[in-house]
Each structure stands twice: as C-alpha cells, then as structure tokens.
Protein backbone atom coordinates (compact mmCIF):
# COMPACT_ATOMS: atom_id res chain seq x y z
CA UNK A 1 59.04 -10.12 -50.33
CA UNK A 2 59.53 -7.36 -47.80
CA UNK A 3 57.43 -4.69 -46.18
CA UNK A 4 58.30 -1.24 -44.87
CA UNK A 5 56.78 -0.35 -41.50
CA UNK A 6 57.28 2.39 -38.92
CA UNK A 7 60.04 1.53 -36.49
CA UNK A 8 58.76 -0.27 -33.39
CA UNK A 9 60.35 -0.47 -29.92
CA UNK A 10 61.45 -4.08 -30.57
CA UNK A 11 63.44 -2.90 -33.62
CA UNK A 12 65.94 -0.88 -31.56
CA UNK A 13 68.28 -3.75 -30.62
CA UNK A 14 68.46 -5.35 -34.09
CA UNK A 15 68.86 -1.87 -35.64
CA UNK A 16 71.83 -1.05 -33.41
CA UNK A 17 73.42 -4.46 -34.07
CA UNK A 18 72.99 -4.01 -37.84
CA UNK A 19 74.44 -0.47 -37.71
CA UNK A 20 77.48 -1.83 -35.83
CA UNK A 21 77.95 -4.42 -38.59
CA UNK A 22 77.41 -1.93 -41.41
CA UNK A 23 79.38 1.03 -40.04
CA UNK A 24 81.50 -0.36 -37.21
CA UNK A 25 81.23 -0.03 -33.48
CA UNK A 26 83.08 3.31 -33.68
CA UNK A 27 80.39 4.83 -35.92
CA UNK A 28 79.37 7.31 -33.20
CA UNK A 29 82.69 9.10 -33.79
CA UNK A 30 81.76 10.00 -37.37
CA UNK A 31 80.90 13.58 -38.28
CA UNK A 32 77.24 12.85 -39.13
CA UNK A 33 76.72 11.52 -35.60
CA UNK A 34 77.66 14.94 -34.20
CA UNK A 35 74.42 16.20 -35.73
CA UNK A 36 72.49 13.43 -33.94
CA UNK A 37 73.97 13.83 -30.45
CA UNK A 38 71.23 14.74 -27.99
CA UNK A 39 68.60 14.89 -30.74
CA UNK A 40 65.90 12.32 -31.39
CA UNK A 41 65.20 11.09 -34.91
CA UNK A 42 61.97 12.24 -36.50
CA UNK A 43 59.70 9.48 -35.23
CA UNK A 44 57.36 9.74 -38.24
CA UNK A 45 60.37 9.16 -40.53
CA UNK A 46 61.95 6.14 -38.84
CA UNK A 47 61.28 2.95 -40.77
CA UNK A 48 62.33 -0.67 -40.84
CA UNK A 49 62.16 -3.30 -43.53
CA UNK A 50 60.82 -6.73 -42.63
CA UNK A 51 61.18 -9.91 -44.66
CA UNK A 52 58.72 -12.55 -43.48
CA UNK A 53 58.35 -10.51 -40.30
CA UNK A 54 62.10 -10.48 -39.56
CA UNK A 55 64.09 -7.25 -39.28
CA UNK A 56 66.20 -6.65 -42.43
CA UNK A 57 67.02 -2.95 -42.54
CA UNK A 58 66.34 0.51 -41.24
CA UNK A 59 66.39 4.18 -42.11
CA UNK A 60 65.98 7.25 -39.94
CA UNK A 61 65.85 10.98 -40.62
CA UNK A 62 67.04 13.63 -38.17
CA UNK A 63 66.07 17.28 -37.84
CA UNK A 64 68.89 19.71 -38.62
CA UNK A 65 69.26 23.45 -39.14
CA UNK A 66 70.60 24.85 -42.43
CA UNK A 67 70.49 28.48 -43.55
CA UNK A 68 68.07 28.84 -46.44
CA UNK A 69 66.00 25.74 -45.61
CA UNK A 70 62.69 25.77 -43.76
CA UNK A 71 62.57 22.17 -42.49
CA UNK A 72 65.76 20.30 -43.44
CA UNK A 73 66.60 16.72 -42.56
CA UNK A 74 69.69 14.55 -42.26
CA UNK A 75 69.11 11.15 -43.88
CA UNK A 76 70.71 8.17 -42.26
CA UNK A 77 71.93 5.91 -41.32
CA UNK A 78 70.53 3.56 -43.93
CA UNK A 79 71.47 -0.07 -43.37
CA UNK A 80 70.31 -3.36 -44.86
CA UNK A 81 71.17 -6.78 -43.50
CA UNK A 82 73.56 -8.55 -45.90
CA UNK A 83 70.99 -11.36 -46.17
CA UNK A 84 68.46 -8.87 -47.57
CA UNK A 85 70.72 -7.16 -50.09
CA UNK A 86 69.91 -7.36 -53.76
CA UNK A 87 66.17 -7.16 -53.08
CA UNK A 88 65.92 -3.33 -53.31
CA UNK A 89 65.25 -3.02 -49.57
CA UNK A 90 67.43 0.09 -49.24
CA UNK A 91 65.85 1.68 -52.31
CA UNK A 92 62.38 1.10 -50.88
CA UNK A 93 63.36 2.54 -47.51
CA UNK A 94 64.76 5.73 -49.08
CA UNK A 95 61.86 6.23 -51.49
CA UNK A 96 59.34 5.68 -48.71
CA UNK A 97 61.18 8.11 -46.42
CA UNK A 98 61.48 10.86 -49.04
CA UNK A 99 57.81 10.52 -50.00
CA UNK A 100 56.76 10.76 -46.35
CA UNK A 101 59.16 13.67 -45.66
CA UNK A 102 57.53 15.61 -48.48
CA UNK A 103 54.05 14.96 -47.05
CA UNK A 104 55.26 16.20 -43.65
CA UNK A 105 56.49 19.48 -45.17
CA UNK A 106 60.25 18.97 -45.15
CA UNK A 107 62.02 20.88 -47.91
CA UNK A 108 65.62 19.64 -47.95
CA UNK A 109 67.55 16.45 -47.21
CA UNK A 110 71.30 16.20 -46.64
CA UNK A 111 73.36 13.06 -46.19
CA UNK A 112 76.90 11.75 -46.19
CA UNK A 113 77.00 8.82 -48.58
CA UNK A 114 77.85 7.31 -51.92
CA UNK A 115 76.74 9.55 -54.80
CA UNK A 116 76.60 6.58 -57.19
CA UNK A 117 73.92 5.03 -54.95
CA UNK A 118 71.94 8.12 -53.95
CA UNK A 119 71.83 9.92 -57.31
CA UNK A 120 68.90 7.66 -58.32
CA UNK A 121 66.86 9.53 -55.71
CA UNK A 122 67.85 12.97 -57.03
CA UNK A 123 70.73 13.70 -54.67
CA UNK A 124 73.57 15.85 -55.98
CA UNK A 125 76.96 16.71 -54.53
CA UNK A 126 76.61 19.64 -52.14
CA UNK A 127 80.04 21.21 -52.67
CA UNK A 128 78.79 24.25 -54.58
CA UNK A 129 76.54 25.24 -51.67
CA UNK A 130 79.48 25.81 -49.30
CA UNK A 131 77.86 23.74 -46.56
CA UNK A 132 79.92 23.03 -43.46
CA UNK A 133 79.61 19.87 -41.38
CA UNK A 134 80.60 19.92 -37.66
CA UNK A 135 83.77 17.96 -38.36
CA UNK A 136 85.72 16.49 -41.23
CA UNK A 137 83.76 15.11 -44.17
CA UNK A 138 84.68 14.00 -47.67
CA UNK A 139 83.04 16.72 -49.79
CA UNK A 140 82.36 14.21 -52.58
CA UNK A 141 80.13 12.29 -50.14
CA UNK A 142 78.18 15.30 -48.85
CA UNK A 143 74.92 15.12 -50.81
CA UNK A 144 71.79 17.25 -50.97
CA UNK A 145 68.27 17.02 -52.41
CA UNK A 146 65.37 19.46 -52.47
CA UNK A 147 61.87 18.24 -51.64
CA UNK A 148 60.05 18.29 -53.96
CA UNK A 149 62.76 18.02 -56.58
CA UNK A 150 63.80 21.35 -57.96
CA UNK A 151 66.45 24.01 -57.88
CA UNK A 152 68.20 24.53 -54.55
CA UNK A 153 68.48 28.25 -53.80
CA UNK A 154 69.95 30.08 -50.79
CA UNK A 155 71.20 27.02 -48.92
CA UNK A 156 74.63 27.64 -47.43
CA UNK A 157 76.75 27.70 -44.28
CA UNK A 158 76.98 25.41 -41.29
CA UNK A 159 74.80 22.34 -40.89
CA UNK A 160 73.74 22.37 -37.25
CA UNK A 161 71.90 19.92 -35.02
CA UNK A 162 68.30 20.80 -34.22
CA UNK A 163 67.49 21.76 -30.68
CA UNK A 164 66.50 18.68 -28.65
CA UNK A 165 62.99 20.02 -28.00
CA UNK A 166 62.47 20.46 -31.77
CA UNK A 167 63.16 16.75 -32.39
CA UNK A 168 60.65 15.29 -29.95
C-alpha cells in the first residue's frame, strides 16, 4: 500500500532522479519547462507517493498566467517509479492534487500529456481554446480542465509563466 504526503526536502534528489528516468536528462529543454523556469512550484500542491516509506512517485503544480482564468496551474511533471506502476499511484497523486487545488481556489489546470490517461480526471484537448505554449507542443497533448468541473469559458491566448514572486 502507498501513501500520499506533501513533498519533503529529502524527496528532491529521488524526485529528480526519477524525472530523469521518466522524461530523460534533456527534459529541461521541453516546452512545459519554459513555464517553470525561474518559478517555484506551488508548495502546497507538491506531493510524493511512498510505499513502505520509500519514494515511489511525485507530482507538482506550477502557477501560470492564462487569459480568462483567475488562478490557473500547470500540472506536472507526474512520475511514478516503474516498481510502483500498476498500483494506481499516479491516479492517486493526480486526484489528490486536483482536490487540493480546488480547496486552494485554483480554477483551471493545463498540462501536456496523454489524453487517454488524463481524460479519467476530466481533462479535454485544449485545441479549441486557441492556447499558445511558449514553444512547440503537440496540440493533441495540450490538455485542460476546469476546477470544479464545468464549462470552460473565455480561456484563450498565450500560456505564460507566473512571476517569480507569485510562486513563492
């Protein structure tokens, strides 16, 4: 069995190692990372999964700016150790994060990911909203979800990083 806990300082090294395994050591060159440069993740929305006390996965959310959204977030990266896969660790991390984001007053979540995986959480393809990432992105992988679930109205334009002082 696993537990979801707020990320702790000792989780940083295993998180970075797992992200290198999951996304490659060049992951910082990806478009989504441009939205994270110089911005801290939302501390209250950074979680890890532990199995018998050992690090097995992580999820963070990042503040972003999107026209038409009051308090939008960028979800990711989500990563689960291959040894912990098949135990719904990733599902638990995302559900926990979305539930907590709602309680904190966030109204929109955007991510770059696999629609087949994230549709279970209510994410839809964002193409019709004419959102623009700060670099190339596969439009089929640009996903969006309103918090709480509902119709997305007025969201459009560039997705921008939050100011560093906003993220602290």
